[in-house]
Amino acid sequence: MPRASAGPVPVVVMGLGVIGQEIARAAQQSPEVELLGAIDANPQLVGRPLSEVLGVAGVKGKVVGTLEAAVGRRKGVVLLHATGSRLAQVMDQLLEAIGLGMSVVSTCEELAFPFLKYPELAQKLEDAAQAAGVAVLGTGVNPGFVMDRLVATVGQACGPVRHATVTRVVDARDRRESLQRKVGAGLTEDEFFALVDRDQLGHVGLVESAALCALGLGLDCDDFEEEIVPVFAEEDISGGAFPVKKGRVAGIFQSAVGLEEGQERVRLELTIAVGADDPGDRIEIEAEPKLVVDIRGGVPGDRAAAHMLVNAAPRVTAAEAGLLTVLELPAGR
C-alpha cells in the first residue's frame, strides 16, 4: 500500500532536456527528496557525471541509459519523468516504471487528465498502477496548476459556480528556444497552419486543463472545444532565441471551452508569443461572491514546473495507488 515516507523520498529523473535538468536541480535543493540519478537516451550524456551535466557541484551519480540501472534494488523510488507531451509516445516508459514498482510524476501534458482523450490507455495505466501498488500523476504549471488546480482551489471560497474564465499570457522571449519554436515564432501564416494541421504546433494539454477546471469547480461539462490561431508580430522583435520579423508569426492564441448542454461554463485562453504584452495569469469566477485573482507577470513556467514535480513526489508516495489527477493532491505540503 502507498505510505507516507519516513525520510527523504528517493527519486530519479528521466529525460535531461531543459525541463528535466530543471527538475534535477530542484530535486537536489529539496529536503523532501533524495536524488539518486538520471536517465537519458542521448549517448552523449550517458556515463557523464550528473553534476557536470547540471552544472551543480555536489550532485551524486552519473547519467545512465536505463531505468533498471538508475534504480538498482532500491524500493519506493519515484520517477520524475520529462520525456514527452503525448501519452502514446511515453506509455512504454510509464509502464516500465510501474513494472519496477515505481510511482511516477510526469510532465506529460496529456497524462494530466488522460481519461478525456485516451480512456483505453488511461485504464491500462490505472490497472497497472493498482496492481503494482503505486501512483501515477501528470502535472506541471499548465496543465497541473495555473489553469486548473489553482482555479479549483479559488472556487472553494464561493458558492455554486456559473462560469469561470482563466487567461494566461506568456512572453516567450523569457522561455527556452524549443518553446518559441513550438508556438510557431518566425513562421509565415501558411507554415503555421500547416504545422497545426499536422498536430505539430501549439500548447498540449489545454483541453485537459479545461476538463480538470470544470471538474474541480463542480461543473458538469459534457463537451469541450479547442481553437488555435497565430499571433503576428506588429514590429521586428528581438530579445528571444532568434529575431522575429514584422508580419511573421510571433506565437499562438489558444482557447479551450467547456460546455454543458451547449452553454459555455469554462473558458481558458492562453497566449504564448515572443514579445507578448502584459504577461500574467488571471482567474475570474462568476459566483457568489465573484472572485478575481491576478498574478502579475504570471507563474514562471520552467522553474515552477520543476518544483511542481519535485513537491508532488512525497505526496504520491502517500496517495492511494492508481492513476491520479492534481485535484487529488493535498493543497499544501
C-alpha atoms as a PDB file:
ATOM      1  CA  MET A   1       0.000   0.000   0.000  1.00  0.00           C
ATOM      2  CA  PRO A   2       1.206   3.581  -0.597  1.00  0.00           C
ATOM      3  CA  ARG A   3       2.647   5.091   2.553  1.00  0.00           C
ATOM      4  CA  ALA A   4       3.965   8.319   3.957  1.00  0.00           C
ATOM      5  CA  SER A   5       7.749   8.360   3.748  1.00  0.00           C
ATOM      6  CA  ALA A   6       9.803   8.260   6.960  1.00  0.00           C
ATOM      7  CA  GLY A   7      12.554  10.316   5.324  1.00  0.00           C
ATOM      8  CA  PRO A   8      13.503  11.902   2.009  1.00  0.00           C
ATOM      9  CA  VAL A   9      11.810  10.143  -0.893  1.00  0.00           C
ATOM     10  CA  PRO A  10      14.306   8.636  -3.363  1.00  0.00           C
ATOM     11  CA  VAL A  11      13.776   9.968  -6.901  1.00  0.00           C
ATOM     12  CA  VAL A  12      15.348   9.587 -10.316  1.00  0.00           C
ATOM     13  CA  VAL A  13      14.849  11.910 -13.283  1.00  0.00           C
ATOM     14  CA  MET A  14      14.135  10.580 -16.766  1.00  0.00           C
ATOM     15  CA  GLY A  15      14.849  12.993 -19.607  1.00  0.00           C
ATOM     16  CA  LEU A  16      17.577  15.617 -19.308  1.00  0.00           C
ATOM     17  CA  GLY A  17      16.287  18.264 -21.674  1.00  0.00           C
ATOM     18  CA  VAL A  18      15.829  21.797 -20.382  1.00  0.00           C
ATOM     19  CA  ILE A  19      12.892  20.842 -18.153  1.00  0.00           C
ATOM     20  CA  GLY A  20      14.469  17.603 -16.959  1.00  0.00           C
ATOM     21  CA  GLN A  21      17.589  19.446 -15.888  1.00  0.00           C
ATOM     22  CA  GLU A  22      15.471  21.983 -14.007  1.00  0.00           C
ATOM     23  CA  ILE A  23      13.710  19.102 -12.264  1.00  0.00           C
ATOM     24  CA  ALA A  24      17.022  17.529 -11.259  1.00  0.00           C
ATOM     25  CA  ARG A  25      18.291  20.838  -9.853  1.00  0.00           C
ATOM     26  CA  ALA A  26      15.054  21.325  -7.928  1.00  0.00           C
ATOM     27  CA  ALA A  27      15.304  17.783  -6.555  1.00  0.00           C
ATOM     28  CA  GLN A  28      18.857  18.432  -5.409  1.00  0.00           C
ATOM     29  CA  GLN A  29      17.641  21.508  -3.477  1.00  0.00           C
ATOM     30  CA  SER A  30      14.658  19.817  -1.824  1.00  0.00           C
ATOM     31  CA  PRO A  31      14.930  18.392   1.705  1.00  0.00           C
ATOM     32  CA  GLU A  32      11.954  16.134   0.948  1.00  0.00           C
ATOM     33  CA  VAL A  33      13.593  14.034  -1.774  1.00  0.00           C
ATOM     34  CA  GLU A  34      16.904  12.283  -2.399  1.00  0.00           C
ATOM     35  CA  LEU A  35      18.158  12.492  -5.984  1.00  0.00           C
ATOM     36  CA  LEU A  36      19.625   9.097  -6.910  1.00  0.00           C
ATOM     37  CA  GLY A  37      20.484   9.832 -10.524  1.00  0.00           C
ATOM     38  CA  ALA A  38      19.127  10.401 -14.009  1.00  0.00           C
ATOM     39  CA  ILE A  39      18.317   8.527 -17.190  1.00  0.00           C
ATOM     40  CA  ASP A  40      18.604   9.810 -20.742  1.00  0.00           C
ATOM     41  CA  ALA A  41      18.612   8.156 -24.147  1.00  0.00           C
ATOM     42  CA  ASN A  42      21.266  10.522 -25.540  1.00  0.00           C
ATOM     43  CA  PRO A  43      24.549   8.551 -25.809  1.00  0.00           C
ATOM     44  CA  GLN A  44      26.478  11.811 -25.440  1.00  0.00           C
ATOM     45  CA  LEU A  45      25.066  12.170 -21.915  1.00  0.00           C
ATOM     46  CA  VAL A  46      25.221   8.560 -20.733  1.00  0.00           C
ATOM     47  CA  GLY A  47      28.192   7.994 -18.473  1.00  0.00           C
ATOM     48  CA  ARG A  48      28.783  11.660 -17.679  1.00  0.00           C
ATOM     49  CA  PRO A  49      28.660  12.825 -14.044  1.00  0.00           C
ATOM     50  CA  LEU A  50      25.261  14.302 -13.315  1.00  0.00           C
ATOM     51  CA  SER A  51      26.910  17.245 -11.546  1.00  0.00           C
ATOM     52  CA  GLU A  52      28.708  18.092 -14.789  1.00  0.00           C
ATOM     53  CA  VAL A  53      25.534  17.893 -16.880  1.00  0.00           C
ATOM     54  CA  LEU A  54      23.604  20.086 -14.444  1.00  0.00           C
ATOM     55  CA  GLY A  55      26.433  22.480 -13.696  1.00  0.00           C
ATOM     56  CA  VAL A  56      25.818  21.945  -9.980  1.00  0.00           C
ATOM     57  CA  ALA A  57      28.576  20.794  -7.633  1.00  0.00           C
ATOM     58  CA  GLY A  58      27.881  18.001  -5.202  1.00  0.00           C
ATOM     59  CA  VAL A  59      25.276  16.102  -7.229  1.00  0.00           C
ATOM     60  CA  LYS A  60      25.936  12.381  -6.910  1.00  0.00           C
ATOM     61  CA  GLY A  61      25.875   9.784  -9.638  1.00  0.00           C
ATOM     62  CA  LYS A  62      26.229   9.522 -13.377  1.00  0.00           C
ATOM     63  CA  VAL A  63      23.716   9.634 -16.203  1.00  0.00           C
ATOM     64  CA  VAL A  64      22.629   6.123 -17.183  1.00  0.00           C
ATOM     65  CA  GLY A  65      20.689   4.760 -20.121  1.00  0.00           C
ATOM     66  CA  THR A  66      18.069   2.561 -18.438  1.00  0.00           C
ATOM     67  CA  LEU A  67      15.652   2.709 -15.558  1.00  0.00           C
ATOM     68  CA  GLU A  68      16.960  -0.523 -14.066  1.00  0.00           C
ATOM     69  CA  ALA A  69      20.494   0.863 -13.985  1.00  0.00           C
ATOM     70  CA  ALA A  70      19.278   4.008 -12.211  1.00  0.00           C
ATOM     71  CA  VAL A  71      17.124   2.295  -9.604  1.00  0.00           C
ATOM     72  CA  GLY A  72      19.053  -0.878  -8.847  1.00  0.00           C
ATOM     73  CA  ARG A  73      17.431  -2.654  -5.928  1.00  0.00           C
ATOM     74  CA  ARG A  74      16.092   0.457  -4.219  1.00  0.00           C
ATOM     75  CA  LYS A  75      12.433   0.315  -3.249  1.00  0.00           C
ATOM     76  CA  GLY A  76       9.944   3.167  -3.062  1.00  0.00           C
ATOM     77  CA  VAL A  77      11.668   5.213  -5.760  1.00  0.00           C
ATOM     78  CA  VAL A  78       9.626   7.875  -7.575  1.00  0.00           C
ATOM     79  CA  LEU A  79      10.308   8.561 -11.248  1.00  0.00           C
ATOM     80  CA  LEU A  80      10.290  12.258 -12.172  1.00  0.00           C
ATOM     81  CA  HIS A  81       9.512  11.856 -15.845  1.00  0.00           C
ATOM     82  CA  ALA A  82      10.099  14.517 -18.517  1.00  0.00           C
ATOM     83  CA  THR A  83      10.434  12.987 -21.963  1.00  0.00           C
ATOM     84  CA  GLY A  84       7.315  13.898 -23.953  1.00  0.00           C
ATOM     85  CA  SER A  85       3.944  15.618 -24.149  1.00  0.00           C
ATOM     86  CA  ARG A  86       1.923  12.906 -25.898  1.00  0.00           C
ATOM     87  CA  LEU A  87       0.653   9.994 -23.842  1.00  0.00           C
ATOM     88  CA  ALA A  88       1.015   7.358 -26.564  1.00  0.00           C
ATOM     89  CA  GLN A  89       4.684   8.279 -27.018  1.00  0.00           C
ATOM     90  CA  VAL A  90       5.566   7.748 -23.351  1.00  0.00           C
ATOM     91  CA  MET A  91       3.290   4.821 -22.438  1.00  0.00           C
ATOM     92  CA  ASP A  92       6.065   2.212 -22.619  1.00  0.00           C
ATOM     93  CA  GLN A  93       8.262   4.297 -20.295  1.00  0.00           C
ATOM     94  CA  LEU A  94       5.438   4.731 -17.801  1.00  0.00           C
ATOM     95  CA  LEU A  95       4.552   1.044 -17.833  1.00  0.00           C
ATOM     96  CA  GLU A  96       8.205   0.051 -17.413  1.00  0.00           C
ATOM     97  CA  ALA A  97       8.494   2.282 -14.347  1.00  0.00           C
ATOM     98  CA  ILE A  98       5.273   0.875 -12.884  1.00  0.00           C
ATOM     99  CA  GLY A  99       6.567  -2.628 -13.545  1.00  0.00           C
ATOM    100  CA  LEU A 100       9.651  -1.806 -11.477  1.00  0.00           C
ATOM    101  CA  GLY A 101       7.429  -0.750  -8.585  1.00  0.00           C
ATOM    102  CA  MET A 102       7.958   2.983  -9.074  1.00  0.00           C
ATOM    103  CA  SER A 103       5.426   5.732  -8.616  1.00  0.00           C
ATOM    104  CA  VAL A 104       5.573   8.290 -11.424  1.00  0.00           C
ATOM    105  CA  VAL A 105       5.215  12.058 -11.572  1.00  0.00           C
ATOM    106  CA  SER A 106       5.377  13.218 -15.176  1.00  0.00           C
ATOM    107  CA  THR A 107       5.376  16.421 -17.206  1.00  0.00           C
ATOM    108  CA  CYS A 108       3.408  14.640 -19.959  1.00  0.00           C
ATOM    109  CA  GLU A 109       0.575  17.089 -20.547  1.00  0.00           C
ATOM    110  CA  GLU A 110      -1.896  14.501 -21.815  1.00  0.00           C
ATOM    111  CA  LEU A 111      -1.329  12.476 -18.636  1.00  0.00           C
ATOM    112  CA  ALA A 112      -2.861  15.318 -16.600  1.00  0.00           C
ATOM    113  CA  PHE A 113      -6.356  14.010 -17.446  1.00  0.00           C
ATOM    114  CA  PRO A 114      -5.928  11.067 -19.840  1.00  0.00           C
ATOM    115  CA  PHE A 115      -9.436   9.681 -19.499  1.00  0.00           C
ATOM    116  CA  LEU A 116     -10.657  12.643 -21.591  1.00  0.00           C
ATOM    117  CA  LYS A 117      -8.990  11.639 -24.877  1.00  0.00           C
ATOM    118  CA  TYR A 118      -7.449   8.227 -24.212  1.00  0.00           C
ATOM    119  CA  PRO A 119      -9.761   6.181 -21.968  1.00  0.00           C
ATOM    120  CA  GLU A 120      -8.203   2.850 -23.007  1.00  0.00           C
ATOM    121  CA  LEU A 121      -4.629   3.961 -22.312  1.00  0.00           C
ATOM    122  CA  ALA A 122      -5.771   5.587 -19.073  1.00  0.00           C
ATOM    123  CA  GLN A 123      -7.451   2.375 -17.926  1.00  0.00           C
ATOM    124  CA  LYS A 124      -4.313   0.409 -18.778  1.00  0.00           C
ATOM    125  CA  LEU A 125      -2.251   2.717 -16.582  1.00  0.00           C
ATOM    126  CA  GLU A 126      -4.861   2.609 -13.824  1.00  0.00           C
ATOM    127  CA  ASP A 127      -4.907  -1.193 -13.807  1.00  0.00           C
ATOM    128  CA  ALA A 128      -1.104  -1.471 -13.877  1.00  0.00           C
ATOM    129  CA  ALA A 129      -0.650   1.071 -11.089  1.00  0.00           C
ATOM    130  CA  GLN A 130      -3.304  -0.568  -8.929  1.00  0.00           C
ATOM    131  CA  ALA A 131      -1.695  -3.983  -9.396  1.00  0.00           C
ATOM    132  CA  ALA A 132       1.760  -2.619  -8.511  1.00  0.00           C
ATOM    133  CA  GLY A 133       0.530  -0.560  -5.563  1.00  0.00           C
ATOM    134  CA  VAL A 134       1.937   2.710  -6.946  1.00  0.00           C
ATOM    135  CA  ALA A 135       0.562   6.080  -8.047  1.00  0.00           C
ATOM    136  CA  VAL A 136       0.899   7.840 -11.410  1.00  0.00           C
ATOM    137  CA  LEU A 137       0.388  11.584 -11.871  1.00  0.00           C
ATOM    138  CA  GLY A 138       0.724  14.118 -14.679  1.00  0.00           C
ATOM    139  CA  THR A 139       1.420  17.652 -13.512  1.00  0.00           C
ATOM    140  CA  GLY A 140       3.284  20.894 -14.166  1.00  0.00           C
ATOM    141  CA  VAL A 141       2.404  24.564 -14.307  1.00  0.00           C
ATOM    142  CA  ASN A 142      -0.037  24.248 -17.187  1.00  0.00           C
ATOM    143  CA  PRO A 143      -1.702  21.764 -17.063  1.00  0.00           C
ATOM    144  CA  GLY A 144      -1.342  20.988 -13.393  1.00  0.00           C
ATOM    145  CA  PHE A 145      -1.660  24.327 -11.636  1.00  0.00           C
ATOM    146  CA  VAL A 146      -2.496  27.759 -13.079  1.00  0.00           C
ATOM    147  CA  MET A 147      -5.463  26.930 -15.291  1.00  0.00           C
ATOM    148  CA  ASP A 148      -6.947  24.027 -13.330  1.00  0.00           C
ATOM    149  CA  ARG A 149      -5.794  23.169  -9.789  1.00  0.00           C
ATOM    150  CA  LEU A 150      -5.416  26.790  -8.702  1.00  0.00           C
ATOM    151  CA  VAL A 151      -8.839  27.616 -10.165  1.00  0.00           C
ATOM    152  CA  ALA A 152     -10.405  24.751  -8.248  1.00  0.00           C
ATOM    153  CA  THR A 153      -8.739  25.988  -5.048  1.00  0.00           C
ATOM    154  CA  VAL A 154     -10.044  29.533  -5.557  1.00  0.00           C
ATOM    155  CA  GLY A 155     -13.502  28.126  -6.237  1.00  0.00           C
ATOM    156  CA  GLN A 156     -13.603  26.671  -2.725  1.00  0.00           C
ATOM    157  CA  ALA A 157     -14.297  30.191  -1.437  1.00  0.00           C
ATOM    158  CA  CYS A 158     -17.579  30.773  -3.262  1.00  0.00           C
ATOM    159  CA  GLY A 159     -20.997  29.296  -3.880  1.00  0.00           C
ATOM    160  CA  PRO A 160     -22.190  27.421  -6.976  1.00  0.00           C
ATOM    161  CA  VAL A 161     -20.120  28.493  -9.985  1.00  0.00           C
ATOM    162  CA  ARG A 162     -21.888  29.848 -13.052  1.00  0.00           C
ATOM    163  CA  HIS A 163     -18.822  30.425 -15.239  1.00  0.00           C
ATOM    164  CA  ALA A 164     -15.044  30.543 -14.987  1.00  0.00           C
ATOM    165  CA  THR A 165     -12.587  32.369 -17.241  1.00  0.00           C
ATOM    166  CA  VAL A 166      -8.843  31.847 -16.994  1.00  0.00           C
ATOM    167  CA  THR A 167      -6.348  33.804 -19.089  1.00  0.00           C
ATOM    168  CA  ARG A 168      -2.610  33.224 -19.215  1.00  0.00           C
ATOM    169  CA  VAL A 169      -0.223  35.428 -21.197  1.00  0.00           C
ATOM    170  CA  VAL A 170       3.404  34.344 -21.571  1.00  0.00           C
ATOM    171  CA  ASP A 171       6.188  36.371 -23.181  1.00  0.00           C
ATOM    172  CA  ALA A 172       8.094  33.570 -24.910  1.00  0.00           C
ATOM    173  CA  ARG A 173      11.270  35.649 -25.039  1.00  0.00           C
ATOM    174  CA  ASP A 174      11.865  34.610 -21.446  1.00  0.00           C
ATOM    175  CA  ARG A 175      11.444  30.912 -22.181  1.00  0.00           C
ATOM    176  CA  ARG A 176      13.525  28.198 -23.833  1.00  0.00           C
ATOM    177  CA  GLU A 177      14.108  28.207 -27.595  1.00  0.00           C
ATOM    178  CA  SER A 178      12.195  24.949 -28.061  1.00  0.00           C
ATOM    179  CA  LEU A 179       9.052  26.614 -26.684  1.00  0.00           C
ATOM    180  CA  GLN A 180       9.478  29.575 -29.032  1.00  0.00           C
ATOM    181  CA  ARG A 181       9.642  27.130 -31.932  1.00  0.00           C
ATOM    182  CA  LYS A 182       6.701  25.152 -30.534  1.00  0.00           C
ATOM    183  CA  VAL A 183       4.442  28.208 -30.746  1.00  0.00           C
ATOM    184  CA  GLY A 184       5.499  28.974 -34.316  1.00  0.00           C
ATOM    185  CA  ALA A 185       7.623  32.076 -33.766  1.00  0.00           C
ATOM    186  CA  GLY A 186       9.158  33.234 -37.045  1.00  0.00           C
ATOM    187  CA  LEU A 187       6.835  31.245 -39.326  1.00  0.00           C
ATOM    188  CA  THR A 188       4.601  32.516 -42.090  1.00  0.00           C
ATOM    189  CA  GLU A 189       0.843  32.123 -41.666  1.00  0.00           C
ATOM    190  CA  ASP A 190       0.752  29.234 -44.170  1.00  0.00           C
ATOM    191  CA  GLU A 191       3.619  27.457 -42.423  1.00  0.00           C
ATOM    192  CA  PHE A 192       1.860  27.930 -39.091  1.00  0.00           C
ATOM    193  CA  PHE A 193      -1.429  26.328 -40.129  1.00  0.00           C
ATOM    194  CA  ALA A 194       0.350  23.517 -41.987  1.00  0.00           C
ATOM    195  CA  LEU A 195       2.029  22.503 -38.724  1.00  0.00           C
ATOM    196  CA  VAL A 196      -1.218  22.942 -36.771  1.00  0.00           C
ATOM    197  CA  ASP A 197      -2.943  20.585 -39.221  1.00  0.00           C
ATOM    198  CA  ARG A 198      -0.200  18.008 -38.543  1.00  0.00           C
ATOM    199  CA  ASP A 199      -0.623  18.467 -34.785  1.00  0.00           C
ATOM    200  CA  GLN A 200       2.961  19.682 -34.515  1.00  0.00           C
ATOM    201  CA  LEU A 201       2.320  23.162 -33.163  1.00  0.00           C
ATOM    202  CA  GLY A 202       0.690  24.682 -30.122  1.00  0.00           C
ATOM    203  CA  HIS A 203       0.315  24.006 -26.427  1.00  0.00           C
ATOM    204  CA  VAL A 204      -0.538  20.437 -25.454  1.00  0.00           C
ATOM    205  CA  GLY A 205      -2.863  19.972 -22.509  1.00  0.00           C
ATOM    206  CA  LEU A 206      -5.170  22.997 -22.637  1.00  0.00           C
ATOM    207  CA  VAL A 207      -8.328  20.953 -23.114  1.00  0.00           C
ATOM    208  CA  GLU A 208      -7.179  18.657 -20.290  1.00  0.00           C
ATOM    209  CA  SER A 209      -6.897  21.758 -18.099  1.00  0.00           C
ATOM    210  CA  ALA A 210     -10.417  22.798 -19.105  1.00  0.00           C
ATOM    211  CA  ALA A 211     -11.765  19.396 -18.086  1.00  0.00           C
ATOM    212  CA  LEU A 212      -9.895  19.489 -14.757  1.00  0.00           C
ATOM    213  CA  CYS A 213     -11.055  23.052 -14.163  1.00  0.00           C
ATOM    214  CA  ALA A 214     -14.683  22.070 -14.721  1.00  0.00           C
ATOM    215  CA  LEU A 215     -14.370  19.016 -12.505  1.00  0.00           C
ATOM    216  CA  GLY A 216     -12.706  20.984  -9.729  1.00  0.00           C
ATOM    217  CA  LEU A 217     -15.436  23.645  -9.790  1.00  0.00           C
ATOM    218  CA  GLY A 218     -18.275  21.140  -9.762  1.00  0.00           C
ATOM    219  CA  LEU A 219     -19.354  21.927 -13.338  1.00  0.00           C
ATOM    220  CA  ASP A 220     -20.793  19.098 -15.422  1.00  0.00           C
ATOM    221  CA  CYS A 221     -19.329  19.891 -18.838  1.00  0.00           C
ATOM    222  CA  ASP A 222     -20.277  17.342 -21.485  1.00  0.00           C
ATOM    223  CA  ASP A 223     -18.324  18.792 -24.429  1.00  0.00           C
ATOM    224  CA  PHE A 224     -15.070  20.644 -24.997  1.00  0.00           C
ATOM    225  CA  GLU A 225     -13.935  22.751 -27.950  1.00  0.00           C
ATOM    226  CA  GLU A 226     -10.428  23.971 -28.738  1.00  0.00           C
ATOM    227  CA  GLU A 227      -9.095  26.590 -31.163  1.00  0.00           C
ATOM    228  CA  ILE A 228      -5.624  27.829 -32.070  1.00  0.00           C
ATOM    229  CA  VAL A 229      -4.739  30.890 -34.165  1.00  0.00           C
ATOM    230  CA  PRO A 230      -1.485  32.772 -34.771  1.00  0.00           C
ATOM    231  CA  VAL A 231      -0.392  35.998 -33.100  1.00  0.00           C
ATOM    232  CA  PHE A 232       1.508  38.197 -35.553  1.00  0.00           C
ATOM    233  CA  ALA A 233       4.470  40.465 -34.865  1.00  0.00           C
ATOM    234  CA  GLU A 234       3.446  44.104 -35.303  1.00  0.00           C
ATOM    235  CA  GLU A 235       7.113  45.111 -35.497  1.00  0.00           C
ATOM    236  CA  ASP A 236      10.508  43.437 -35.635  1.00  0.00           C
ATOM    237  CA  ILE A 237      11.064  41.635 -32.317  1.00  0.00           C
ATOM    238  CA  SER A 238      14.437  40.829 -30.803  1.00  0.00           C
ATOM    239  CA  GLY A 239      15.498  39.508 -27.437  1.00  0.00           C
ATOM    240  CA  GLY A 240      14.410  35.921 -27.915  1.00  0.00           C
ATOM    241  CA  ALA A 241      16.432  32.962 -29.140  1.00  0.00           C
ATOM    242  CA  PHE A 242      16.127  34.371 -32.676  1.00  0.00           C
ATOM    243  CA  PRO A 243      14.690  37.559 -34.236  1.00  0.00           C
ATOM    244  CA  VAL A 244      11.091  37.632 -35.466  1.00  0.00           C
ATOM    245  CA  LYS A 245      10.330  39.937 -38.389  1.00  0.00           C
ATOM    246  CA  LYS A 246       7.285  42.187 -38.602  1.00  0.00           C
ATOM    247  CA  GLY A 247       4.323  40.349 -40.134  1.00  0.00           C
ATOM    248  CA  ARG A 248       5.610  36.899 -39.176  1.00  0.00           C
ATOM    249  CA  VAL A 249       4.065  34.697 -36.515  1.00  0.00           C
ATOM    250  CA  ALA A 250       5.128  35.708 -33.016  1.00  0.00           C
ATOM    251  CA  GLY A 251       3.248  32.907 -31.246  1.00  0.00           C
ATOM    252  CA  ILE A 252      -0.177  31.463 -30.537  1.00  0.00           C
ATOM    253  CA  PHE A 253      -3.553  32.340 -29.085  1.00  0.00           C
ATOM    254  CA  GLN A 254      -5.212  29.131 -27.983  1.00  0.00           C
ATOM    255  CA  SER A 255      -8.554  28.626 -26.287  1.00  0.00           C
ATOM    256  CA  ALA A 256     -10.431  25.718 -24.757  1.00  0.00           C
ATOM    257  CA  VAL A 257     -14.102  25.947 -23.845  1.00  0.00           C
ATOM    258  CA  GLY A 258     -16.129  23.614 -21.660  1.00  0.00           C
ATOM    259  CA  LEU A 259     -19.837  23.344 -22.481  1.00  0.00           C
ATOM    260  CA  GLU A 260     -22.776  21.999 -20.528  1.00  0.00           C
ATOM    261  CA  GLU A 261     -25.758  21.224 -22.775  1.00  0.00           C
ATOM    262  CA  GLY A 262     -24.423  23.784 -25.252  1.00  0.00           C
ATOM    263  CA  GLN A 263     -23.889  26.538 -22.667  1.00  0.00           C
ATOM    264  CA  GLU A 264     -20.364  27.776 -22.022  1.00  0.00           C
ATOM    265  CA  ARG A 265     -19.276  27.188 -18.427  1.00  0.00           C
ATOM    266  CA  VAL A 266     -15.460  27.288 -18.646  1.00  0.00           C
ATOM    267  CA  ARG A 267     -13.204  29.345 -20.921  1.00  0.00           C
ATOM    268  CA  LEU A 268      -9.419  29.069 -20.902  1.00  0.00           C
ATOM    269  CA  GLU A 269      -7.410  31.499 -23.041  1.00  0.00           C
ATOM    270  CA  LEU A 270      -3.678  31.088 -23.492  1.00  0.00           C
ATOM    271  CA  THR A 271      -1.338  33.444 -25.325  1.00  0.00           C
ATOM    272  CA  ILE A 272       2.298  32.417 -25.729  1.00  0.00           C
ATOM    273  CA  ALA A 273       4.155  34.786 -28.014  1.00  0.00           C
ATOM    274  CA  VAL A 274       7.524  36.429 -28.405  1.00  0.00           C
ATOM    275  CA  GLY A 275       7.038  39.984 -27.140  1.00  0.00           C
ATOM    276  CA  ALA A 276       3.559  39.357 -25.668  1.00  0.00           C
ATOM    277  CA  ASP A 277       2.278  42.398 -23.770  1.00  0.00           C
ATOM    278  CA  ASP A 278       1.356  42.306 -20.075  1.00  0.00           C
ATOM    279  CA  PRO A 279       2.295  38.735 -19.197  1.00  0.00           C
ATOM    280  CA  GLY A 280       0.329  37.362 -16.291  1.00  0.00           C
ATOM    281  CA  ASP A 281      -2.327  34.952 -15.077  1.00  0.00           C
ATOM    282  CA  ARG A 282      -5.921  35.890 -14.300  1.00  0.00           C
ATOM    283  CA  ILE A 283      -8.766  33.814 -12.839  1.00  0.00           C
ATOM    284  CA  GLU A 284     -12.357  35.108 -12.856  1.00  0.00           C
ATOM    285  CA  ILE A 285     -15.065  33.024 -11.214  1.00  0.00           C
ATOM    286  CA  GLU A 286     -18.675  34.079 -11.684  1.00  0.00           C
ATOM    287  CA  ALA A 287     -20.360  33.012  -8.471  1.00  0.00           C
ATOM    288  CA  GLU A 288     -21.497  34.422  -5.163  1.00  0.00           C
ATOM    289  CA  PRO A 289     -19.202  36.044  -4.285  1.00  0.00           C
ATOM    290  CA  LYS A 290     -17.461  36.770  -7.575  1.00  0.00           C
ATOM    291  CA  LEU A 291     -13.724  36.148  -7.260  1.00  0.00           C
ATOM    292  CA  VAL A 292     -10.896  37.560  -9.358  1.00  0.00           C
ATOM    293  CA  VAL A 293      -7.256  36.583  -8.870  1.00  0.00           C
ATOM    294  CA  ASP A 294      -4.370  38.259 -10.731  1.00  0.00           C
ATOM    295  CA  ILE A 295      -0.767  37.026 -10.735  1.00  0.00           C
ATOM    296  CA  ARG A 296       1.318  39.849 -12.163  1.00  0.00           C
ATOM    297  CA  GLY A 297       3.971  38.566 -14.511  1.00  0.00           C
ATOM    298  CA  GLY A 298       2.488  35.085 -14.333  1.00  0.00           C
ATOM    299  CA  VAL A 299       3.806  31.899 -12.754  1.00  0.00           C
ATOM    300  CA  PRO A 300       7.284  31.180 -14.214  1.00  0.00           C
ATOM    301  CA  GLY A 301       6.893  28.185 -16.481  1.00  0.00           C
ATOM    302  CA  ASP A 302      10.031  26.048 -16.426  1.00  0.00           C
ATOM    303  CA  ARG A 303      11.272  26.599 -12.879  1.00  0.00           C
ATOM    304  CA  ALA A 304       7.825  26.357 -11.329  1.00  0.00           C
ATOM    305  CA  ALA A 305       7.051  23.190 -13.296  1.00  0.00           C
ATOM    306  CA  ALA A 306      10.203  21.588 -11.918  1.00  0.00           C
ATOM    307  CA  HIS A 307       9.189  22.356  -8.346  1.00  0.00           C
ATOM    308  CA  MET A 308       5.658  21.106  -9.037  1.00  0.00           C
ATOM    309  CA  LEU A 309       7.071  17.666  -9.888  1.00  0.00           C
ATOM    310  CA  VAL A 310       9.536  17.549  -7.008  1.00  0.00           C
ATOM    311  CA  ASN A 311       6.957  18.689  -4.452  1.00  0.00           C
ATOM    312  CA  ALA A 312       4.478  16.107  -5.739  1.00  0.00           C
ATOM    313  CA  ALA A 313       6.867  13.174  -5.239  1.00  0.00           C
ATOM    314  CA  PRO A 314       6.320  12.757  -1.470  1.00  0.00           C
ATOM    315  CA  ARG A 315       2.581  13.295  -1.980  1.00  0.00           C
ATOM    316  CA  VAL A 316       2.212  10.432  -4.476  1.00  0.00           C
ATOM    317  CA  THR A 317       4.043   8.020  -2.170  1.00  0.00           C
ATOM    318  CA  ALA A 318       1.379   8.731   0.449  1.00  0.00           C
ATOM    319  CA  ALA A 319      -1.539   8.577  -2.004  1.00  0.00           C
ATOM    320  CA  GLU A 320      -3.804   5.717  -2.905  1.00  0.00           C
ATOM    321  CA  ALA A 321      -2.499   3.520  -5.706  1.00  0.00           C
ATOM    322  CA  GLY A 322      -3.720   4.244  -9.225  1.00  0.00           C
ATOM    323  CA  LEU A 323      -3.879   6.972 -11.845  1.00  0.00           C
ATOM    324  CA  LEU A 324      -4.260  10.342 -10.107  1.00  0.00           C
ATOM    325  CA  THR A 325      -5.054  13.909 -11.116  1.00  0.00           C
ATOM    326  CA  VAL A 326      -3.709  17.012  -9.395  1.00  0.00           C
ATOM    327  CA  LEU A 327      -7.143  17.562  -7.872  1.00  0.00           C
ATOM    328  CA  GLU A 328      -6.425  14.582  -5.605  1.00  0.00           C
ATOM    329  CA  LEU A 329      -3.209  16.041  -4.178  1.00  0.00           C
ATOM    330  CA  PRO A 330      -3.263  17.851  -0.838  1.00  0.00           C
ATOM    331  CA  ALA A 331      -3.269  21.612  -1.166  1.00  0.00           C
ATOM    332  CA  GLY A 332      -0.189  22.130   0.987  1.00  0.00           C
ATOM    333  CA  ARG A 333       2.952  20.325   1.997  1.00  0.00           C
END
